[in-house]
N, C-alpha and C. Protein backbone atom coordinates (compact mmCIF):
# COMPACT_ATOMS: atom_id res chain seq x y z
N MET A 1 12.50 272.40 189.88
CA MET A 1 12.39 272.82 188.38
C MET A 1 11.43 274.17 188.17
N LYS A 2 10.29 274.02 188.69
CA LYS A 2 9.97 274.96 189.45
C LYS A 2 10.81 276.47 190.19
N LEU A 3 11.70 275.94 191.20
CA LEU A 3 12.73 276.40 191.85
C LEU A 3 13.94 277.42 190.68
N THR A 4 13.58 277.30 189.91
CA THR A 4 14.95 276.94 188.55
C THR A 4 14.05 278.73 188.64
N LYS A 5 13.25 278.09 187.76
CA LYS A 5 12.00 278.67 186.59
C LYS A 5 12.03 280.05 188.27
N GLY A 6 11.45 280.12 188.85
CA GLY A 6 11.07 281.32 190.02
C GLY A 6 12.24 282.49 190.49
N LEU A 7 13.97 281.29 190.39
CA LEU A 7 15.05 282.57 190.30
C LEU A 7 15.22 283.11 189.17
N ALA A 8 14.56 282.18 187.69
CA ALA A 8 14.71 282.97 187.02
C ALA A 8 13.97 284.13 186.15
N ILE A 9 12.66 283.27 187.23
CA ILE A 9 11.54 285.07 186.41
C ILE A 9 12.71 285.95 187.77
N VAL A 10 12.30 286.15 188.70
CA VAL A 10 13.42 286.94 189.63
C VAL A 10 14.46 287.82 189.78
N ALA A 11 15.49 287.94 188.94
CA ALA A 11 16.67 287.13 188.55
C ALA A 11 16.05 288.73 186.85
N MET A 12 15.60 288.20 186.23
CA MET A 12 15.39 289.07 184.89
C MET A 12 14.11 290.26 185.10
N SER A 13 13.70 289.79 186.57
CA SER A 13 13.12 291.08 186.72
C SER A 13 13.82 292.39 187.10
N ALA A 14 14.63 291.86 188.14
CA ALA A 14 15.60 292.77 188.62
C ALA A 14 16.85 293.07 187.57
N LEU A 15 17.45 292.28 186.18
CA LEU A 15 17.52 293.65 185.39
C LEU A 15 16.85 293.95 184.91
N VAL A 16 15.68 294.64 183.92
CA VAL A 16 14.49 294.54 183.89
C VAL A 16 14.75 296.64 184.57
N PHE A 17 14.72 296.28 185.75
CA PHE A 17 14.07 296.87 186.82
C PHE A 17 15.72 298.19 186.65
N SER A 18 16.70 297.55 186.84
CA SER A 18 18.32 297.85 186.71
C SER A 18 18.30 298.35 185.72
N CYS A 19 18.21 298.00 184.68
CA CYS A 19 18.40 299.18 183.32
C CYS A 19 17.19 299.78 182.76
N GLY A 20 15.46 300.08 183.60
CA GLY A 20 15.20 301.07 183.92
C GLY A 20 15.83 302.79 184.53
N GLU A 21 16.23 302.13 185.69
CA GLU A 21 16.19 302.70 186.17
C GLU A 21 18.01 303.41 185.59
N LYS A 22 17.69 305.38 185.77
CA LYS A 22 18.76 306.42 185.98
C LYS A 22 20.40 306.15 186.84
N LYS A 23 20.94 305.90 185.76
CA LYS A 23 22.20 306.27 186.81
C LYS A 23 22.45 307.42 187.89
N LYS A 24 22.94 307.83 188.89
CA LYS A 24 23.06 309.37 189.43
C LYS A 24 24.47 309.08 189.48
N VAL A 25 24.60 310.89 188.71
CA VAL A 25 26.08 311.48 188.81
C VAL A 25 25.97 312.03 189.61
N GLU A 26 27.39 311.22 190.49
CA GLU A 26 27.15 312.58 191.63
C GLU A 26 28.30 313.75 190.91
N LYS A 27 28.01 315.88 191.26
CA LYS A 27 28.44 316.66 191.12
C LYS A 27 29.71 316.55 192.54
N ASP A 28 30.86 317.48 191.33
CA ASP A 28 31.98 317.42 192.23
C ASP A 28 31.56 318.67 192.52
N THR A 29 31.64 319.03 194.43
CA THR A 29 31.86 319.64 195.05
C THR A 29 33.07 320.12 196.01
N THR A 30 33.90 319.93 195.19
CA THR A 30 35.88 319.99 195.74
C THR A 30 36.26 322.08 195.30
N PRO A 31 35.40 322.86 196.78
CA PRO A 31 36.03 324.37 196.26
C PRO A 31 37.22 324.12 195.98
N ASN A 32 36.85 325.25 195.55
CA ASN A 32 38.43 326.46 194.99
C ASN A 32 38.63 327.26 195.37
N VAL A 33 39.05 327.53 196.20
CA VAL A 33 39.95 328.34 197.02
C VAL A 33 41.81 327.97 196.97
N GLY A 34 42.07 329.27 196.91
CA GLY A 34 43.27 329.76 197.10
C GLY A 34 44.37 329.60 197.96
N VAL A 35 45.60 329.21 198.61
CA VAL A 35 46.39 328.90 199.55
C VAL A 35 46.71 330.71 200.10
N VAL A 36 46.34 330.96 200.46
CA VAL A 36 46.44 333.12 200.56
C VAL A 36 47.95 332.94 201.43
N ASN A 37 48.62 332.18 202.80
CA ASN A 37 49.72 331.97 203.20
C ASN A 37 50.23 330.72 202.97
N SER A 38 50.96 329.98 202.16
CA SER A 38 51.74 328.78 202.76
C SER A 38 51.82 327.98 203.98
N ASN A 39 52.53 329.22 204.85
CA ASN A 39 53.32 329.43 206.61
C ASN A 39 51.85 329.30 207.13
N GLY A 40 51.03 329.29 206.86
CA GLY A 40 49.43 329.82 208.16
C GLY A 40 48.79 330.30 208.14
N LEU A 41 47.96 331.32 207.94
CA LEU A 41 46.80 332.55 208.10
C LEU A 41 47.96 332.85 209.41
N LYS A 42 47.73 334.19 209.90
CA LYS A 42 47.67 335.36 210.13
C LYS A 42 46.53 335.62 211.83
N ILE A 43 46.23 335.70 212.27
CA ILE A 43 45.01 335.33 212.91
C ILE A 43 44.34 336.48 213.73
N ALA A 44 43.82 337.94 214.33
CA ALA A 44 44.03 338.24 215.37
C ALA A 44 42.31 338.93 215.62
N TYR A 45 42.43 338.85 216.75
CA TYR A 45 41.05 340.52 217.29
C TYR A 45 41.16 340.83 218.27
N TYR A 46 40.57 341.74 218.63
CA TYR A 46 40.67 342.69 219.49
C TYR A 46 38.80 342.81 220.15
N SER A 47 38.66 343.56 220.92
CA SER A 47 37.90 343.42 221.76
C SER A 47 36.93 344.34 221.34
N GLN A 48 35.61 344.33 220.92
CA GLN A 48 34.55 345.59 221.08
C GLN A 48 34.34 346.09 221.82
N ASP A 49 34.57 345.86 222.96
CA ASP A 49 33.71 346.26 224.70
C ASP A 49 34.77 347.41 224.60
N SER A 50 36.28 346.59 224.31
CA SER A 50 37.23 347.47 224.92
C SER A 50 37.48 348.97 224.31
N LEU A 51 37.21 348.43 223.18
CA LEU A 51 37.52 349.22 221.53
C LEU A 51 36.08 350.92 222.33
N ALA A 52 34.70 350.38 222.82
CA ALA A 52 34.08 351.83 222.98
C ALA A 52 34.30 352.28 224.67
N THR A 53 35.96 351.52 225.48
CA THR A 53 35.53 352.37 226.39
C THR A 53 37.34 352.35 226.58
N ASN A 54 38.49 352.63 225.93
CA ASN A 54 39.43 352.81 225.65
C ASN A 54 40.06 353.41 224.59
N PHE A 55 38.98 353.22 223.23
CA PHE A 55 39.29 354.54 222.10
C PHE A 55 38.99 355.85 222.31
N ASP A 56 39.48 356.99 222.33
CA ASP A 56 40.05 358.66 222.94
C ASP A 56 37.86 358.72 221.77
N TYR A 57 38.40 358.67 220.63
CA TYR A 57 38.05 359.34 219.85
C TYR A 57 36.77 358.35 220.19
N TYR A 58 37.24 357.47 220.47
CA TYR A 58 35.13 356.90 220.17
C TYR A 58 34.99 357.96 222.11
N VAL A 59 35.07 357.04 222.58
CA VAL A 59 34.77 357.92 224.14
C VAL A 59 34.27 358.94 224.30
N GLU A 60 35.65 360.53 223.27
CA GLU A 60 35.04 361.51 223.60
C GLU A 60 33.64 361.83 222.36
N MET A 61 33.36 361.07 221.38
CA MET A 61 31.97 361.54 220.43
C MET A 61 30.90 360.60 221.28
N ASP A 62 30.80 359.92 222.17
CA ASP A 62 30.08 359.09 222.80
C ASP A 62 29.76 359.74 224.40
N SER A 63 31.02 360.12 224.78
CA SER A 63 30.96 361.73 225.83
C SER A 63 29.86 362.52 225.54
N LEU A 64 30.19 363.22 223.75
CA LEU A 64 28.73 364.13 223.36
C LEU A 64 28.03 363.81 223.04
N MET A 65 27.55 362.79 222.69
CA MET A 65 26.17 361.88 222.77
C MET A 65 24.88 361.60 223.74
N LYS A 66 26.06 361.53 224.86
CA LYS A 66 25.17 361.30 226.48
C LYS A 66 25.36 362.65 226.77
N LYS A 67 25.44 364.20 226.27
CA LYS A 67 24.99 365.08 226.82
C LYS A 67 24.20 365.36 225.98
N LYS A 68 24.54 365.24 224.43
CA LYS A 68 23.16 365.84 223.87
C LYS A 68 21.40 364.93 224.55
N GLN A 69 21.65 363.35 224.57
CA GLN A 69 20.45 362.62 225.61
C GLN A 69 20.49 363.69 227.00
N LEU A 70 21.20 364.03 228.03
CA LEU A 70 21.12 364.57 228.79
C LEU A 70 20.10 365.55 229.32
N SER A 71 20.72 366.20 227.79
CA SER A 71 20.11 367.80 227.75
C SER A 71 18.53 367.23 227.32
N PHE A 72 18.18 367.13 226.38
CA PHE A 72 17.39 366.52 225.48
C PHE A 72 16.13 365.36 227.23
N GLN A 73 16.48 365.78 227.79
CA GLN A 73 15.99 364.56 228.80
C GLN A 73 15.47 365.86 230.13
N ALA A 74 16.11 366.58 230.06
CA ALA A 74 15.74 367.93 231.20
C ALA A 74 14.54 368.72 230.34
N GLU A 75 14.94 369.15 228.92
CA GLU A 75 14.68 370.19 228.50
C GLU A 75 13.20 369.50 228.31
N LEU A 76 12.44 368.31 228.46
CA LEU A 76 11.59 367.81 227.98
C LEU A 76 11.07 367.33 229.31
N GLN A 77 11.95 367.53 230.47
CA GLN A 77 11.02 366.84 232.38
C GLN A 77 10.99 368.08 232.35
N LYS A 78 11.64 369.81 231.77
CA LYS A 78 10.92 371.40 232.09
C LYS A 78 9.75 371.83 231.39
N ARG A 79 9.71 371.19 230.58
CA ARG A 79 8.03 371.15 230.41
C ARG A 79 7.26 370.39 230.02
N GLU A 80 7.29 369.03 230.53
CA GLU A 80 6.05 367.92 231.49
C GLU A 80 6.26 369.01 232.99
N LYS A 81 6.91 369.85 233.04
CA LYS A 81 6.53 369.69 234.59
C LYS A 81 6.28 371.39 234.13
N ALA A 82 6.11 372.24 233.41
CA ALA A 82 5.45 373.14 233.09
C ALA A 82 4.03 373.61 232.77
N LEU A 83 3.58 372.36 231.68
CA LEU A 83 2.30 371.48 231.56
C LEU A 83 1.24 371.06 232.94
N GLN A 84 2.73 370.40 233.57
CA GLN A 84 0.98 369.88 234.43
C GLN A 84 0.91 371.39 235.67
N ASN A 85 1.84 372.17 236.11
CA ASN A 85 1.41 373.07 236.74
C ASN A 85 0.99 374.22 236.24
N TYR A 86 0.67 374.21 234.91
CA TYR A 86 0.05 374.59 233.60
C TYR A 86 -1.93 374.28 234.69
N VAL A 87 -1.60 372.87 234.86
CA VAL A 87 -3.30 372.55 235.05
C VAL A 87 -3.22 371.98 236.48
N ALA A 88 -2.17 372.13 237.51
CA ALA A 88 -2.95 372.08 238.19
C ALA A 88 -3.48 373.38 239.25
N THR A 89 -2.87 374.25 238.91
CA THR A 89 -2.86 375.65 238.42
C THR A 89 -4.53 375.99 238.27
N ASN A 90 -4.59 375.80 237.05
CA ASN A 90 -5.60 376.58 236.53
C ASN A 90 -7.21 375.33 237.18
N GLU A 91 -6.52 373.58 237.85
CA GLU A 91 -7.83 373.09 238.32
C GLU A 91 -8.27 373.78 239.21
N GLN A 92 -6.91 374.42 240.54
CA GLN A 92 -7.60 374.92 241.93
C GLN A 92 -8.33 376.37 241.06
N ARG A 93 -7.89 376.89 240.90
CA ARG A 93 -9.08 378.67 240.19
C ARG A 93 -10.82 377.82 239.43
N ALA A 94 -10.60 376.29 239.16
CA ALA A 94 -11.93 375.67 238.70
C ALA A 94 -12.70 375.64 240.26
N LYS A 95 -12.02 374.85 241.00
CA LYS A 95 -12.55 374.15 241.54
C LYS A 95 -13.47 375.79 242.66
N SER A 96 -12.13 376.42 242.87
CA SER A 96 -13.16 377.86 243.37
C SER A 96 -14.31 378.71 243.25
N GLY A 97 -14.02 378.24 241.64
CA GLY A 97 -15.16 378.52 241.16
C GLY A 97 -14.68 380.38 240.63
N SER A 98 -13.51 380.25 240.80
CA SER A 98 -13.44 382.32 239.70
C SER A 98 -12.81 381.89 238.47
N LEU A 99 -13.69 381.10 237.82
CA LEU A 99 -12.93 380.54 236.30
C LEU A 99 -14.85 380.56 235.55
N SER A 100 -14.94 381.16 234.28
CA SER A 100 -16.25 381.08 233.99
C SER A 100 -16.35 380.44 232.84
N GLY A 101 -17.03 379.55 232.26
CA GLY A 101 -17.19 378.61 231.33
C GLY A 101 -16.33 379.36 230.29
N PHE A 102 -16.22 379.95 230.33
CA PHE A 102 -15.51 380.64 229.05
C PHE A 102 -13.78 380.90 228.92
N GLU A 103 -14.09 380.44 229.37
CA GLU A 103 -12.54 380.72 230.31
C GLU A 103 -11.19 379.43 231.24
N LEU A 104 -12.85 379.22 231.54
CA LEU A 104 -12.22 376.97 231.06
C LEU A 104 -11.89 376.74 229.70
N GLN A 105 -13.08 376.70 228.91
CA GLN A 105 -13.49 376.29 227.97
C GLN A 105 -11.65 376.19 227.02
N SER A 106 -11.53 377.96 227.50
CA SER A 106 -10.20 377.84 226.93
C SER A 106 -9.11 377.78 226.73
N ILE A 107 -8.83 377.79 228.42
CA ILE A 107 -7.81 377.03 229.39
C ILE A 107 -8.07 375.20 228.95
N GLN A 108 -8.87 375.12 228.22
CA GLN A 108 -8.33 373.21 228.23
C GLN A 108 -7.57 373.11 227.19
N GLU A 109 -8.41 374.44 225.56
CA GLU A 109 -8.09 373.83 225.07
C GLU A 109 -6.72 374.56 225.18
N GLU A 110 -6.54 375.76 225.05
CA GLU A 110 -4.51 375.74 225.72
C GLU A 110 -3.64 375.00 225.83
N ALA A 111 -4.30 373.68 227.24
CA ALA A 111 -3.88 372.60 227.94
C ALA A 111 -3.61 371.74 226.51
N GLN A 112 -4.41 372.25 225.60
CA GLN A 112 -4.89 370.28 224.27
C GLN A 112 -3.16 370.78 224.09
N ARG A 113 -3.70 372.32 223.61
CA ARG A 113 -2.18 372.26 222.32
C ARG A 113 -0.99 372.74 222.95
N LYS A 114 -1.05 372.49 224.87
CA LYS A 114 0.63 371.72 225.03
C LYS A 114 0.71 370.96 225.44
N GLN A 115 -0.34 369.90 225.36
CA GLN A 115 0.09 368.86 225.54
C GLN A 115 0.72 367.89 223.75
N TYR A 116 -0.17 368.99 222.97
CA TYR A 116 0.18 368.44 221.73
C TYR A 116 1.62 368.56 221.28
N SER A 117 2.14 369.73 221.61
CA SER A 117 2.79 370.68 221.39
C SER A 117 4.51 370.25 222.13
N LEU A 118 4.16 368.97 223.44
CA LEU A 118 5.21 368.48 224.13
C LEU A 118 5.23 367.13 223.28
N MET A 119 4.18 366.60 222.64
CA MET A 119 4.26 365.29 222.03
C MET A 119 5.57 365.50 220.94
N GLN A 120 4.62 367.02 220.55
CA GLN A 120 5.81 366.73 218.64
C GLN A 120 7.17 366.84 218.83
N TYR A 121 7.61 367.55 220.10
CA TYR A 121 8.73 368.48 220.90
C TYR A 121 9.39 366.85 220.57
N GLN A 122 8.62 365.62 221.36
CA GLN A 122 9.19 364.54 222.61
C GLN A 122 9.41 363.09 221.01
N GLU A 123 8.74 363.48 220.51
CA GLU A 123 8.77 362.44 218.92
C GLU A 123 9.85 363.08 218.40
N THR A 124 9.98 364.95 217.51
CA THR A 124 10.45 364.81 215.81
C THR A 124 12.12 365.22 217.17
N GLU A 125 12.55 365.87 218.34
CA GLU A 125 13.79 366.21 218.76
C GLU A 125 14.35 364.74 219.37
N GLY A 126 13.81 363.61 219.52
CA GLY A 126 13.92 362.18 220.49
C GLY A 126 14.50 361.87 218.75
N ALA A 127 14.05 361.76 217.55
CA ALA A 127 14.23 360.80 216.36
C ALA A 127 14.86 361.44 215.53
N LYS A 128 15.56 362.69 215.80
CA LYS A 128 16.66 363.53 215.63
C LYS A 128 18.20 363.31 215.98
N LEU A 129 17.96 362.75 217.33
CA LEU A 129 18.94 362.40 218.23
C LEU A 129 19.02 361.06 218.00
N GLU A 130 18.23 360.33 218.17
CA GLU A 130 18.80 358.78 217.84
C GLU A 130 19.32 358.49 215.92
N ARG A 131 19.07 359.40 215.81
CA ARG A 131 19.13 359.42 214.07
C ARG A 131 21.12 360.07 213.87
N GLU A 132 20.82 360.81 214.91
CA GLU A 132 22.53 361.89 214.89
C GLU A 132 23.36 360.77 215.35
N THR A 133 23.06 359.44 216.44
CA THR A 133 23.84 358.84 216.95
C THR A 133 23.86 357.66 216.19
N GLY A 134 23.04 357.04 215.61
CA GLY A 134 22.37 356.57 214.14
C GLY A 134 24.29 356.22 213.42
N GLU A 135 23.84 357.58 212.77
CA GLU A 135 25.60 358.54 211.84
C GLU A 135 26.21 358.19 212.35
N LEU A 136 26.63 359.09 213.57
CA LEU A 136 27.67 359.36 214.29
C LEU A 136 28.53 357.72 214.78
N LEU A 137 27.97 356.93 215.30
CA LEU A 137 28.15 355.55 215.63
C LEU A 137 28.51 354.57 213.86
N GLY A 138 28.01 354.76 213.43
CA GLY A 138 28.45 354.44 211.43
C GLY A 138 29.33 354.18 211.24
N VAL A 139 29.30 355.79 211.48
CA VAL A 139 30.84 356.92 210.28
C VAL A 139 31.87 355.80 211.28
N ILE A 140 31.90 356.35 212.73
CA ILE A 140 33.41 355.94 213.52
C ILE A 140 33.84 354.48 213.25
N GLY A 141 32.29 353.71 213.00
CA GLY A 141 32.88 351.99 212.24
C GLY A 141 33.34 352.29 211.34
N LYS A 142 32.68 352.92 209.95
CA LYS A 142 33.45 352.66 208.54
C LYS A 142 35.38 352.62 209.73
N LYS A 143 35.86 353.80 210.16
CA LYS A 143 36.64 354.92 209.65
C LYS A 143 37.43 353.66 210.69
N ILE A 144 36.61 353.01 211.89
CA ILE A 144 37.56 351.66 212.43
C ILE A 144 38.10 350.43 211.36
N GLU A 145 36.87 350.53 211.07
CA GLU A 145 37.33 349.05 209.83
C GLU A 145 38.41 349.58 209.39
N GLU A 146 38.64 350.60 209.04
CA GLU A 146 39.72 351.81 207.19
C GLU A 146 41.45 351.02 208.25
N ALA A 147 41.42 351.44 209.39
CA ALA A 147 42.14 351.96 209.86
C ALA A 147 42.53 350.09 210.50
N GLY A 148 41.08 348.92 211.10
CA GLY A 148 41.94 347.62 211.52
C GLY A 148 42.39 347.29 209.95
N ARG A 149 42.22 347.39 208.17
CA ARG A 149 42.56 347.34 207.28
C ARG A 149 44.04 347.68 207.48
N LYS A 150 43.76 348.93 207.16
CA LYS A 150 45.58 349.81 207.90
C LYS A 150 46.68 349.13 208.42
N TYR A 151 46.01 348.55 210.15
CA TYR A 151 46.63 347.96 210.41
C TYR A 151 47.26 346.32 210.64
N SER A 152 46.43 346.04 210.06
CA SER A 152 46.11 344.50 209.73
C SER A 152 47.52 344.30 208.22
N GLU A 153 47.64 345.09 206.84
CA GLU A 153 48.43 345.27 205.70
C GLU A 153 50.19 345.67 206.78
N LYS A 154 50.11 346.37 207.98
CA LYS A 154 51.05 346.54 208.18
C LYS A 154 51.63 345.66 209.01
N HIS A 155 51.13 344.69 209.74
CA HIS A 155 51.63 344.44 210.59
C HIS A 155 51.45 342.25 210.22
N GLY A 156 51.29 342.73 208.80
CA GLY A 156 50.94 340.90 208.23
C GLY A 156 49.96 339.70 208.90
N ILE A 157 48.29 340.70 209.28
CA ILE A 157 47.80 340.00 209.70
C ILE A 157 47.36 339.57 208.79
N ASP A 158 46.75 338.33 208.41
CA ASP A 158 45.65 338.07 207.39
C ASP A 158 43.88 337.38 207.44
N MET A 159 43.84 338.48 208.65
CA MET A 159 42.34 338.33 209.55
C MET A 159 42.61 339.01 210.44
N LEU A 160 41.54 340.25 210.63
CA LEU A 160 41.29 340.54 212.20
C LEU A 160 39.97 340.93 212.95
N ILE A 161 39.25 339.98 213.41
CA ILE A 161 38.59 339.49 213.39
C ILE A 161 37.87 341.10 215.26
N MET A 162 36.48 341.57 215.10
CA MET A 162 36.40 341.60 216.04
C MET A 162 35.03 340.42 216.99
N HIS A 163 35.51 340.74 218.22
CA HIS A 163 35.13 339.77 219.00
C HIS A 163 34.25 340.94 219.65
N GLY A 164 32.50 340.72 220.01
CA GLY A 164 32.29 340.81 220.96
C GLY A 164 31.05 339.93 221.78
N ALA A 165 30.19 340.56 223.03
CA ALA A 165 29.14 339.77 223.18
C ALA A 165 28.56 339.32 221.94
N GLY A 166 27.10 338.67 222.26
CA GLY A 166 26.71 338.37 220.64
C GLY A 166 27.36 338.28 219.41
N GLY A 167 28.49 337.90 219.09
CA GLY A 167 29.05 338.04 218.09
C GLY A 167 28.96 336.90 217.67
N GLN A 168 29.19 335.90 216.63
CA GLN A 168 29.46 334.61 216.03
C GLN A 168 30.88 333.85 216.81
N PHE A 169 31.83 334.23 217.18
CA PHE A 169 32.44 333.81 217.81
C PHE A 169 32.19 333.76 219.42
N VAL A 170 32.53 332.61 220.17
CA VAL A 170 31.73 332.38 221.14
C VAL A 170 33.19 332.30 221.76
N TYR A 171 33.84 332.00 221.46
CA TYR A 171 35.46 331.63 222.06
C TYR A 171 37.31 331.77 221.45
N VAL A 172 37.48 333.29 221.22
CA VAL A 172 39.16 332.61 220.58
C VAL A 172 39.70 332.68 221.44
N THR A 173 41.24 332.23 221.16
CA THR A 173 42.28 331.74 222.58
C THR A 173 42.76 332.67 223.11
N PRO A 174 43.30 334.24 224.03
CA PRO A 174 43.61 335.23 223.94
C PRO A 174 45.12 335.07 223.39
N LYS A 175 46.39 335.02 223.42
CA LYS A 175 47.16 333.94 221.80
C LYS A 175 46.60 335.29 220.94
N MET A 176 45.23 335.39 220.68
CA MET A 176 45.05 335.92 219.57
C MET A 176 44.65 337.16 219.94
N ASP A 177 44.76 337.74 220.59
CA ASP A 177 44.35 339.31 221.56
C ASP A 177 45.28 340.70 220.75
N VAL A 178 45.17 341.07 220.54
CA VAL A 178 46.14 342.04 219.66
C VAL A 178 45.40 343.58 220.26
N THR A 179 43.55 342.98 221.02
CA THR A 179 43.14 344.65 221.64
C THR A 179 43.62 345.98 222.05
N ALA A 180 44.77 345.50 222.88
CA ALA A 180 45.37 346.38 223.67
C ALA A 180 46.50 347.73 222.23
N GLN A 181 46.84 347.17 222.17
CA GLN A 181 48.03 347.46 220.01
C GLN A 181 46.76 347.73 219.52
N PHE A 182 46.13 347.72 218.60
CA PHE A 182 44.45 347.85 218.00
C PHE A 182 44.52 349.30 218.71
N ILE A 183 44.84 349.34 220.08
CA ILE A 183 43.23 350.08 219.94
C ILE A 183 44.28 351.67 221.45
N GLU A 184 45.67 350.60 220.80
CA GLU A 184 46.92 351.78 221.11
C GLU A 184 46.77 352.95 219.36
N TYR A 185 47.26 351.94 218.00
CA TYR A 185 47.56 352.15 216.47
C TYR A 185 45.83 353.02 216.69
N LEU A 186 45.32 353.11 216.69
CA LEU A 186 43.58 354.50 216.48
C LEU A 186 44.42 355.26 217.24
N ASN A 187 44.26 355.05 218.76
CA ASN A 187 45.12 356.54 219.52
C ASN A 187 45.78 356.90 218.65
N GLN A 188 47.02 356.09 218.21
CA GLN A 188 47.94 356.51 217.32
C GLN A 188 48.08 358.23 215.98
N HIS A 189 46.42 357.10 215.43
CA HIS A 189 45.81 358.34 214.46
C HIS A 189 44.27 358.33 214.64
N GLN A 190 44.55 358.97 216.66
CA GLN A 190 42.91 359.33 215.85
C GLN A 190 43.28 360.92 215.06
N SER A 191 44.33 361.75 214.99
CA SER A 191 44.52 362.96 214.29
C SER A 191 43.19 362.41 212.95
N GLU A 192 44.27 361.14 212.52
CA GLU A 192 44.05 360.75 211.00
C GLU A 192 41.88 359.98 210.70
N ILE A 193 41.50 359.87 211.43
CA ILE A 193 40.73 359.33 211.72
C ILE A 193 39.52 361.02 211.90
N GLU A 194 40.15 361.62 212.49
CA GLU A 194 38.80 362.71 212.54
C GLU A 194 39.10 363.88 211.22
N ALA A 195 39.90 364.07 210.81
CA ALA A 195 40.28 364.84 209.01
C ALA A 195 39.40 363.90 208.18
N ASP A 196 39.45 362.66 208.39
CA ASP A 196 38.90 361.31 207.31
C ASP A 196 37.80 361.97 207.91
N MET A 197 36.53 362.55 208.62
CA MET A 197 35.12 362.57 209.09
C MET A 197 35.42 363.83 209.11
N GLY A 198 36.09 364.65 208.86
CA GLY A 198 36.10 365.87 209.05
C GLY A 198 35.89 367.03 209.60
N VAL A 199 36.74 366.41 211.14
CA VAL A 199 36.59 367.53 212.08
C VAL A 199 37.24 368.02 212.39
N LYS A 200 37.13 369.68 213.00
CA LYS A 200 37.74 370.46 212.47
C LYS A 200 38.70 370.24 214.82
N LYS A 201 40.19 370.61 214.62
CA LYS A 201 40.78 370.19 216.02
C LYS A 201 40.18 371.72 216.66
N LYS A 202 40.39 371.37 217.61
CA LYS A 202 39.96 372.11 218.73
C LYS A 202 40.99 372.77 219.22
N LYS A 203 40.63 374.87 219.12
CA LYS A 203 42.69 374.87 219.37
C LYS A 203 42.52 376.09 220.60
């Protein structure tokens, strides 16, 4: 009898607890994604590294910026060498006792001025060159993107992926590789890309 009453109490408690608990409603998470191509997506990719070495305009611009970089480094080294020679020459004069206190002070001030001028040149010209390189690569990147859109539309490609080291795609089957064809397309339309960028053809 006591056991029966106990079970009744437990059952009643469970009923009361369940009535007090709110029922969770699961929201519908079905994505509303339309079908792009009922016959299957046509996906291709090109190698970013190959583009940097085989796209003629990219190679040309990269070579131009490298020349500017080398010119900057050469000028920087020239100025550094001139400063070192100035300091070394006057150190020898100071050691030989051929400089007065006034001359020594004047030379020290001039050395500091040259040192400051060198630092200013390195920071200003270095930043200018870095900014120019970044802007050029940014514009080229946008033109490649636009060319990729036209290329994809022309050949019915639904998705054209840029594949490179450090990218999101660790592996993509070689069957989807259109690197050679896309680079050929870019080289054939190089004049259009140059025109879009305001580059005048060399006579």
